[in-house]
Amino acid sequence: MSSDQPEAAITGLKLRTHTQGDETVIYCIGRLTIEHAEVLKRHGKSVIPQTKRLVLDLKEVNWMDSAGIGALVGLYVSAKKAGCEFLLVNYNKTIRDLLGITHLLSVFETCARAGMRVP
């Protein structure tokens, strides 16, 4: 098991990482906005080569802008290229609506349809 907090933690977004076996979960806490999106992308891309399944837990994300959406899409594309499964879990209604408005909900439909929760 590993845990770390990239540098965005001091500016409004905390990232906590938990790895067990072939799965890595990145818990995002705070605001996923233009100020923090690059940190999430960089951190997520750094763990993709070491994992077969990358899960982003957005339970504690209270705001996301278009840069946050871009970070999610960028990680999704990077994971798929590397043969890594990518899942979004525990996102709130506001984020779900935002993904729906941008027609990206279908990209992440596996979790959306199942309402998947990670303990």
C-alpha atoms as a PDB file:
ATOM      1  CA  MET A   1       0.000   0.000   0.000  1.00  0.00           C
ATOM      2  CA  SER A   2       1.270   3.459  -0.854  1.00  0.00           C
ATOM      3  CA  SER A   3       0.014   6.913  -0.045  1.00  0.00           C
ATOM      4  CA  ASP A   4       1.147  10.329  -1.155  1.00  0.00           C
ATOM      5  CA  GLN A   5      -0.011  13.906  -1.577  1.00  0.00           C
ATOM      6  CA  PRO A   6       1.234  15.782  -4.661  1.00  0.00           C
ATOM      7  CA  GLU A   7       1.971  19.496  -4.459  1.00  0.00           C
ATOM      8  CA  ALA A   8      -1.607  20.621  -5.252  1.00  0.00           C
ATOM      9  CA  ALA A   9      -2.553  19.705  -1.683  1.00  0.00           C
ATOM     10  CA  ILE A  10      -1.542  23.136  -0.471  1.00  0.00           C
ATOM     11  CA  THR A  11      -3.662  24.979  -3.054  1.00  0.00           C
ATOM     12  CA  GLY A  12      -7.075  23.330  -2.816  1.00  0.00           C
ATOM     13  CA  LEU A  13      -6.815  19.773  -4.135  1.00  0.00           C
ATOM     14  CA  LYS A  14      -5.506  16.848  -2.167  1.00  0.00           C
ATOM     15  CA  LEU A  15      -4.684  13.555  -3.826  1.00  0.00           C
ATOM     16  CA  ARG A  16      -4.378  10.425  -1.742  1.00  0.00           C
ATOM     17  CA  THR A  17      -3.236   7.276  -3.496  1.00  0.00           C
ATOM     18  CA  HIS A  18      -3.871   3.726  -2.393  1.00  0.00           C
ATOM     19  CA  THR A  19      -2.425   0.772  -4.307  1.00  0.00           C
ATOM     20  CA  GLN A  20      -3.345  -2.813  -3.660  1.00  0.00           C
ATOM     21  CA  GLY A  21      -2.389  -5.534  -6.076  1.00  0.00           C
ATOM     22  CA  ASP A  22      -3.105  -4.453  -9.653  1.00  0.00           C
ATOM     23  CA  GLU A  23      -5.440  -1.605  -8.647  1.00  0.00           C
ATOM     24  CA  THR A  24      -4.592   1.981  -7.792  1.00  0.00           C
ATOM     25  CA  VAL A  25      -7.198   4.338  -6.365  1.00  0.00           C
ATOM     26  CA  ILE A  26      -6.583   8.078  -6.391  1.00  0.00           C
ATOM     27  CA  TYR A  27      -8.845   9.851  -3.913  1.00  0.00           C
ATOM     28  CA  CYS A  28      -9.408  13.446  -4.994  1.00  0.00           C
ATOM     29  CA  ILE A  29     -10.400  15.906  -2.275  1.00  0.00           C
ATOM     30  CA  GLY A  30     -11.293  19.543  -2.938  1.00  0.00           C
ATOM     31  CA  ARG A  31     -11.540  21.474  -6.197  1.00  0.00           C
ATOM     32  CA  LEU A  32     -10.604  19.977  -9.554  1.00  0.00           C
ATOM     33  CA  THR A  33     -10.049  23.213 -11.453  1.00  0.00           C
ATOM     34  CA  ILE A  34      -7.561  24.786 -13.823  1.00  0.00           C
ATOM     35  CA  GLU A  35      -5.169  25.409 -10.927  1.00  0.00           C
ATOM     36  CA  HIS A  36      -5.035  21.701 -10.078  1.00  0.00           C
ATOM     37  CA  ALA A  37      -5.852  19.735 -13.231  1.00  0.00           C
ATOM     38  CA  GLU A  38      -2.252  19.412 -14.379  1.00  0.00           C
ATOM     39  CA  VAL A  39      -1.177  17.964 -11.018  1.00  0.00           C
ATOM     40  CA  LEU A  40      -3.887  15.299 -11.240  1.00  0.00           C
ATOM     41  CA  LYS A  41      -2.937  14.445 -14.833  1.00  0.00           C
ATOM     42  CA  ARG A  42       0.761  14.224 -14.012  1.00  0.00           C
ATOM     43  CA  HIS A  43       0.146  12.107 -10.917  1.00  0.00           C
ATOM     44  CA  GLY A  44      -2.333   9.814 -12.668  1.00  0.00           C
ATOM     45  CA  LYS A  45      -0.040   9.297 -15.651  1.00  0.00           C
ATOM     46  CA  SER A  46       2.825   8.438 -13.310  1.00  0.00           C
ATOM     47  CA  VAL A  47       0.907   5.503 -11.798  1.00  0.00           C
ATOM     48  CA  ILE A  48      -0.577   4.108 -15.032  1.00  0.00           C
ATOM     49  CA  PRO A  49       2.514   2.074 -15.994  1.00  0.00           C
ATOM     50  CA  GLN A  50       2.469   0.267 -12.625  1.00  0.00           C
ATOM     51  CA  THR A  51      -1.228  -0.627 -12.481  1.00  0.00           C
ATOM     52  CA  LYS A  52      -3.822  -2.545 -14.464  1.00  0.00           C
ATOM     53  CA  ARG A  53      -6.764  -0.611 -13.046  1.00  0.00           C
ATOM     54  CA  LEU A  54      -6.831   3.093 -12.211  1.00  0.00           C
ATOM     55  CA  VAL A  55      -9.780   4.332 -10.176  1.00  0.00           C
ATOM     56  CA  LEU A  56     -10.461   8.008  -9.526  1.00  0.00           C
ATOM     57  CA  ASP A  57     -12.659   8.479  -6.476  1.00  0.00           C
ATOM     58  CA  LEU A  58     -14.361  11.865  -6.762  1.00  0.00           C
ATOM     59  CA  LYS A  59     -16.489  11.558  -3.637  1.00  0.00           C
ATOM     60  CA  GLU A  60     -14.898  14.598  -2.012  1.00  0.00           C
ATOM     61  CA  VAL A  61     -14.567  16.788  -5.109  1.00  0.00           C
ATOM     62  CA  ASN A  62     -16.794  19.772  -4.480  1.00  0.00           C
ATOM     63  CA  TRP A  63     -16.162  21.658  -7.722  1.00  0.00           C
ATOM     64  CA  MET A  64     -14.886  20.841 -11.198  1.00  0.00           C
ATOM     65  CA  ASP A  65     -14.378  23.083 -14.221  1.00  0.00           C
ATOM     66  CA  SER A  66     -13.531  22.384 -17.868  1.00  0.00           C
ATOM     67  CA  ALA A  67      -9.850  21.877 -17.036  1.00  0.00           C
ATOM     68  CA  GLY A  68     -10.891  19.184 -14.556  1.00  0.00           C
ATOM     69  CA  ILE A  69     -12.911  17.488 -17.286  1.00  0.00           C
ATOM     70  CA  GLY A  70      -9.873  17.732 -19.543  1.00  0.00           C
ATOM     71  CA  ALA A  71      -7.743  16.038 -16.892  1.00  0.00           C
ATOM     72  CA  LEU A  72     -10.243  13.169 -16.614  1.00  0.00           C
ATOM     73  CA  VAL A  73     -10.361  12.698 -20.379  1.00  0.00           C
ATOM     74  CA  GLY A  74      -6.561  12.894 -20.636  1.00  0.00           C
ATOM     75  CA  LEU A  75      -6.151  10.211 -17.978  1.00  0.00           C
ATOM     76  CA  TYR A  76      -8.809   8.066 -19.632  1.00  0.00           C
ATOM     77  CA  VAL A  77      -6.985   8.234 -22.982  1.00  0.00           C
ATOM     78  CA  SER A  78      -3.578   7.547 -21.401  1.00  0.00           C
ATOM     79  CA  ALA A  79      -4.943   4.584 -19.468  1.00  0.00           C
ATOM     80  CA  LYS A  80      -6.634   3.068 -22.501  1.00  0.00           C
ATOM     81  CA  LYS A  81      -3.461   3.438 -24.588  1.00  0.00           C
ATOM     82  CA  ALA A  82      -1.529   1.607 -21.862  1.00  0.00           C
ATOM     83  CA  GLY A  83      -4.103  -1.194 -21.586  1.00  0.00           C
ATOM     84  CA  CYS A  84      -5.132   0.014 -18.146  1.00  0.00           C
ATOM     85  CA  GLU A  85      -8.770  -0.031 -17.056  1.00  0.00           C
ATOM     86  CA  PHE A  86      -9.978   3.435 -15.998  1.00  0.00           C
ATOM     87  CA  LEU A  87     -12.936   4.088 -13.717  1.00  0.00           C
ATOM     88  CA  LEU A  88     -14.575   7.113 -12.143  1.00  0.00           C
ATOM     89  CA  VAL A  89     -16.436   6.420  -8.927  1.00  0.00           C
ATOM     90  CA  ASN A  90     -18.416   8.233  -6.259  1.00  0.00           C
ATOM     91  CA  TYR A  91     -18.990  11.440  -8.183  1.00  0.00           C
ATOM     92  CA  ASN A  92     -21.803  13.713  -7.085  1.00  0.00           C
ATOM     93  CA  LYS A  93     -24.859  14.859  -9.043  1.00  0.00           C
ATOM     94  CA  THR A  94     -23.196  18.118 -10.105  1.00  0.00           C
ATOM     95  CA  ILE A  95     -20.257  16.272 -11.680  1.00  0.00           C
ATOM     96  CA  ARG A  96     -22.602  13.715 -13.229  1.00  0.00           C
ATOM     97  CA  ASP A  97     -24.659  16.543 -14.766  1.00  0.00           C
ATOM     98  CA  LEU A  98     -21.488  18.240 -16.024  1.00  0.00           C
ATOM     99  CA  LEU A  99     -20.328  15.015 -17.678  1.00  0.00           C
ATOM    100  CA  GLY A 100     -23.804  14.622 -19.179  1.00  0.00           C
ATOM    101  CA  ILE A 101     -23.921  18.170 -20.568  1.00  0.00           C
ATOM    102  CA  THR A 102     -20.532  17.672 -22.212  1.00  0.00           C
ATOM    103  CA  HIS A 103     -21.630  14.278 -23.614  1.00  0.00           C
ATOM    104  CA  LEU A 104     -18.835  12.559 -21.710  1.00  0.00           C
ATOM    105  CA  LEU A 105     -21.009  10.536 -19.371  1.00  0.00           C
ATOM    106  CA  SER A 106     -21.131   7.741 -21.954  1.00  0.00           C
ATOM    107  CA  VAL A 107     -17.319   7.616 -21.949  1.00  0.00           C
ATOM    108  CA  PHE A 108     -17.463   6.739 -18.270  1.00  0.00           C
ATOM    109  CA  GLU A 109     -20.756   4.851 -18.538  1.00  0.00           C
ATOM    110  CA  THR A 110     -19.583   1.645 -16.864  1.00  0.00           C
ATOM    111  CA  CYS A 111     -19.420   3.359 -13.499  1.00  0.00           C
ATOM    112  CA  ALA A 112     -22.332   5.682 -14.159  1.00  0.00           C
ATOM    113  CA  ARG A 113     -24.672   2.849 -15.084  1.00  0.00           C
ATOM    114  CA  ALA A 114     -23.653   0.652 -12.177  1.00  0.00           C
ATOM    115  CA  GLY A 115     -23.459   3.479  -9.661  1.00  0.00           C
ATOM    116  CA  MET A 116     -20.244   1.835  -8.546  1.00  0.00           C
ATOM    117  CA  ARG A 117     -18.950   2.630  -5.097  1.00  0.00           C
ATOM    118  CA  VAL A 118     -15.517   1.936  -3.731  1.00  0.00           C
ATOM    119  CA  PRO A 119     -15.298   1.624   0.051  1.00  0.00           C
END
